[in-house]
Protein backbone atom coordinates (compact mmCIF):
# COMPACT_ATOMS: atom_id res chain seq x y z
CA MET A 1 4.89 29.43 -39.24
CA LYS A 2 3.19 31.49 -36.88
CA ALA A 3 -0.21 29.18 -38.03
CA PHE A 4 2.23 25.79 -36.96
CA ASN A 5 3.02 26.59 -33.73
CA ILE A 6 -0.65 27.57 -32.42
CA PRO A 7 -1.63 24.28 -32.92
CA LEU A 8 1.34 22.57 -31.78
CA LEU A 9 1.18 24.77 -28.43
CA ALA A 10 -2.36 23.86 -28.26
CA LEU A 11 -1.31 20.27 -27.92
CA ILE A 12 1.63 20.87 -25.58
CA ALA A 13 -1.11 22.10 -23.00
CA TRP A 14 -4.02 19.83 -23.48
CA LEU A 15 -0.93 17.02 -22.97
CA LEU A 16 0.16 18.88 -19.98
CA ALA A 17 -3.25 19.41 -18.91
CA GLY A 18 -4.62 15.70 -19.33
CA CYS A 19 -1.70 14.42 -17.21
CA VAL A 20 -2.32 16.41 -14.24
CA MET A 21 -6.25 15.95 -14.77
CA MET A 22 -5.01 11.88 -15.02
CA SER A 23 -3.12 11.52 -11.75
CA SER A 24 -5.18 13.77 -9.46
CA SER A 25 -7.22 10.99 -7.95
CA PRO A 26 -7.29 10.65 -4.65
CA VAL A 27 -7.21 7.31 -3.15
CA THR A 28 -10.48 5.80 -1.70
CA VAL A 29 -10.96 3.45 0.61
CA SER A 30 -12.86 0.19 1.48
CA ASN A 31 -12.66 -0.64 5.16
CA LEU A 32 -13.72 -4.40 5.26
CA SER A 33 -12.69 -5.31 9.18
CA LYS A 34 -12.66 -3.76 12.21
CA SER A 35 -10.06 -6.26 13.40
CA GLU A 36 -7.02 -5.03 15.84
CA LYS A 37 -4.15 -4.42 13.15
CA GLY A 38 -0.97 -4.64 15.83
CA ASN A 39 1.99 -3.36 14.64
CA LYS A 40 2.50 -2.46 11.18
CA THR A 41 4.43 -5.60 9.89
CA VAL A 42 3.42 -6.90 6.58
CA THR A 43 4.93 -8.82 3.47
CA PHE A 44 3.79 -8.97 0.08
CA ILE A 45 1.98 -11.34 -1.24
CA ASN A 46 2.11 -11.61 -4.71
CA LYS A 47 4.55 -10.11 -7.67
CA THR A 48 4.18 -6.61 -9.10
CA PRO A 49 7.09 -4.27 -10.85
CA TYR A 50 6.29 -1.84 -7.87
CA ILE A 51 7.20 -3.82 -4.97
CA ALA A 52 10.46 -2.10 -4.27
CA GLU A 53 8.96 1.21 -4.74
CA MET A 54 5.86 0.36 -2.66
CA SER A 55 8.29 -1.08 0.29
CA ILE A 56 10.20 2.06 0.68
CA ALA A 57 6.94 4.27 0.24
CA LEU A 58 5.62 1.72 3.40
CA ALA A 59 8.73 2.25 5.59
CA GLU A 60 8.98 5.75 4.76
CA ASN A 61 5.01 5.52 7.20
CA GLY A 62 6.32 3.44 9.86
CA PHE A 63 5.87 -0.17 8.70
CA VAL A 64 8.18 -2.97 8.55
CA VAL A 65 8.46 -4.95 4.93
CA LYS A 66 9.24 -8.44 4.94
CA PRO A 67 10.48 -9.47 1.88
CA MET A 68 9.55 -13.25 1.99
CA PRO A 69 5.96 -14.36 3.22
CA THR A 70 7.48 -17.30 5.11
CA GLN A 71 10.60 -18.90 6.14
CA GLN A 72 10.17 -22.11 7.64
CA GLN A 73 7.58 -25.32 7.31
CA ILE A 74 5.63 -26.62 10.53
CA THR A 75 5.05 -30.06 11.04
CA GLU A 76 2.10 -30.72 13.61
CA LEU A 77 0.52 -33.73 15.18
CA GLN A 78 -3.00 -33.52 14.95
CA SER A 79 -4.07 -36.92 15.93
CA PRO A 80 -2.17 -40.35 16.27
CA SER A 81 -2.77 -40.85 12.42
CA ARG A 82 -2.94 -36.77 11.26
CA ILE A 83 0.25 -34.79 10.40
CA ALA A 84 -0.11 -31.36 9.16
CA ARG A 85 2.35 -29.60 7.51
CA PHE A 86 2.14 -25.69 6.96
CA ASN A 87 4.01 -22.93 6.03
CA GLU A 88 4.80 -20.68 8.94
CA ALA A 89 4.24 -16.58 8.07
CA THR A 90 6.63 -13.74 8.80
CA ALA A 91 3.71 -11.24 8.88
CA ARG A 92 0.52 -11.67 10.06
CA TRP A 93 -0.37 -8.92 7.33
CA GLY A 94 -0.41 -9.43 3.48
CA ILE A 95 0.05 -6.87 0.71
CA SER A 96 -1.32 -7.34 -2.41
CA LEU A 97 -0.51 -4.68 -4.85
CA GLN A 98 -2.34 -4.76 -8.43
CA THR A 99 -2.12 -2.50 -11.58
CA GLN A 100 -4.42 -2.16 -14.80
CA HIS A 101 -2.47 -0.21 -16.85
CA SER A 102 -4.95 2.69 -18.58
CA GLY A 103 -3.63 3.45 -21.62
CA MET A 104 -1.89 6.83 -21.06
CA THR A 105 1.47 7.95 -20.52
CA CYS A 106 3.14 10.61 -18.85
CA ALA A 107 3.84 13.78 -21.38
CA PHE A 108 7.45 13.71 -21.56
CA THR A 109 8.62 10.70 -19.35
CA ASP A 110 8.61 6.35 -19.53
CA PHE A 111 6.13 6.41 -17.13
CA ASP A 112 2.70 5.61 -17.24
CA ILE A 113 -0.70 6.14 -15.42
CA HIS A 114 -2.42 3.20 -13.98
CA HIS A 115 -5.71 1.76 -11.88
CA PHE A 116 -3.88 0.89 -8.10
CA THR A 117 -5.33 -1.28 -5.95
CA LEU A 118 -3.97 -2.14 -2.39
CA MET A 119 -5.38 -4.77 -0.80
CA LEU A 120 -4.61 -5.47 2.89
CA ILE A 121 -4.88 -9.12 3.79
CA ASP A 122 -5.18 -10.85 7.28
CA ILE A 123 -3.05 -13.97 6.51
CA LYS A 124 -4.37 -15.26 10.03
CA THR A 125 -8.01 -15.71 8.87
CA ASN A 126 -7.16 -15.25 4.71
CA GLN A 127 -9.58 -11.86 4.77
CA VAL A 128 -9.39 -9.05 3.13
CA ALA A 129 -9.03 -6.21 5.31
CA LEU A 130 -8.78 -2.68 3.36
CA VAL A 131 -8.78 -1.72 -0.15
CA LEU A 132 -7.61 1.06 -0.94
CA LYS A 133 -7.60 1.88 -4.87
CA GLN A 134 -6.00 5.19 -7.06
CA LYS A 135 -5.27 6.33 -10.48
CA GLY A 136 -1.96 7.86 -11.12
CA SER A 137 1.43 7.51 -12.45
CA ASP A 138 3.70 4.44 -11.56
CA GLY A 139 7.17 7.04 -11.52
CA PRO A 140 7.42 11.33 -12.12
CA CYS A 141 5.12 12.34 -14.36
CA THR A 142 6.00 15.96 -15.44
CA THR A 143 4.01 17.79 -12.46
CA VAL A 144 2.41 14.40 -10.81
CA GLU A 145 3.47 12.37 -8.22
CA PRO A 146 3.43 8.50 -7.88
CA VAL A 147 1.43 7.09 -5.90
CA PHE A 148 3.07 4.96 -3.53
CA GLY A 149 3.58 7.54 -1.33
CA THR A 150 -0.05 8.36 -1.03
CA LEU A 151 -1.27 4.88 -0.80
CA ALA A 152 1.46 3.80 1.89
CA LYS A 153 0.27 7.09 3.74
CA ALA A 154 -3.75 6.15 3.52
CA LEU A 155 -2.63 2.54 5.04
CA SER A 156 -0.84 3.61 7.85
CA ASP A 157 -3.95 6.15 8.41
CA ASN A 158 -6.52 3.34 8.17
CA TRP A 159 -4.13 1.11 10.28
């Protein structure tokens, strides 16, 4: 019976240590533009299952999150023979949140470890202004916090 307990304890210790090591990744920041960002109003420009979690974390860091990137269509007469129609943006700054599953799951939970990439996009100029990357969990992972709070804080710190 003792011989069975030692390998089992070693396996549990390895799983717990692996989860802590997997999620300890710091946020890496690539600032691609020095443009003045103004107020902290953003909208999501891609679909992701993490919009709710990221919205909460952004709000806790002083951001206003607009749920729809556009609300009305604008028609503009550009010349006597040309009419342009476009959608008016609800915010100048768009957030693209992308994930790639790392193949690892958190011990004793239903959550996973992902590579997260958050891009801040200037909708007015269609330029990527900031890229944040972090490897971590998509929910509580034994002893590890999800990445949403740290990504939102890093975005706020680099605003």
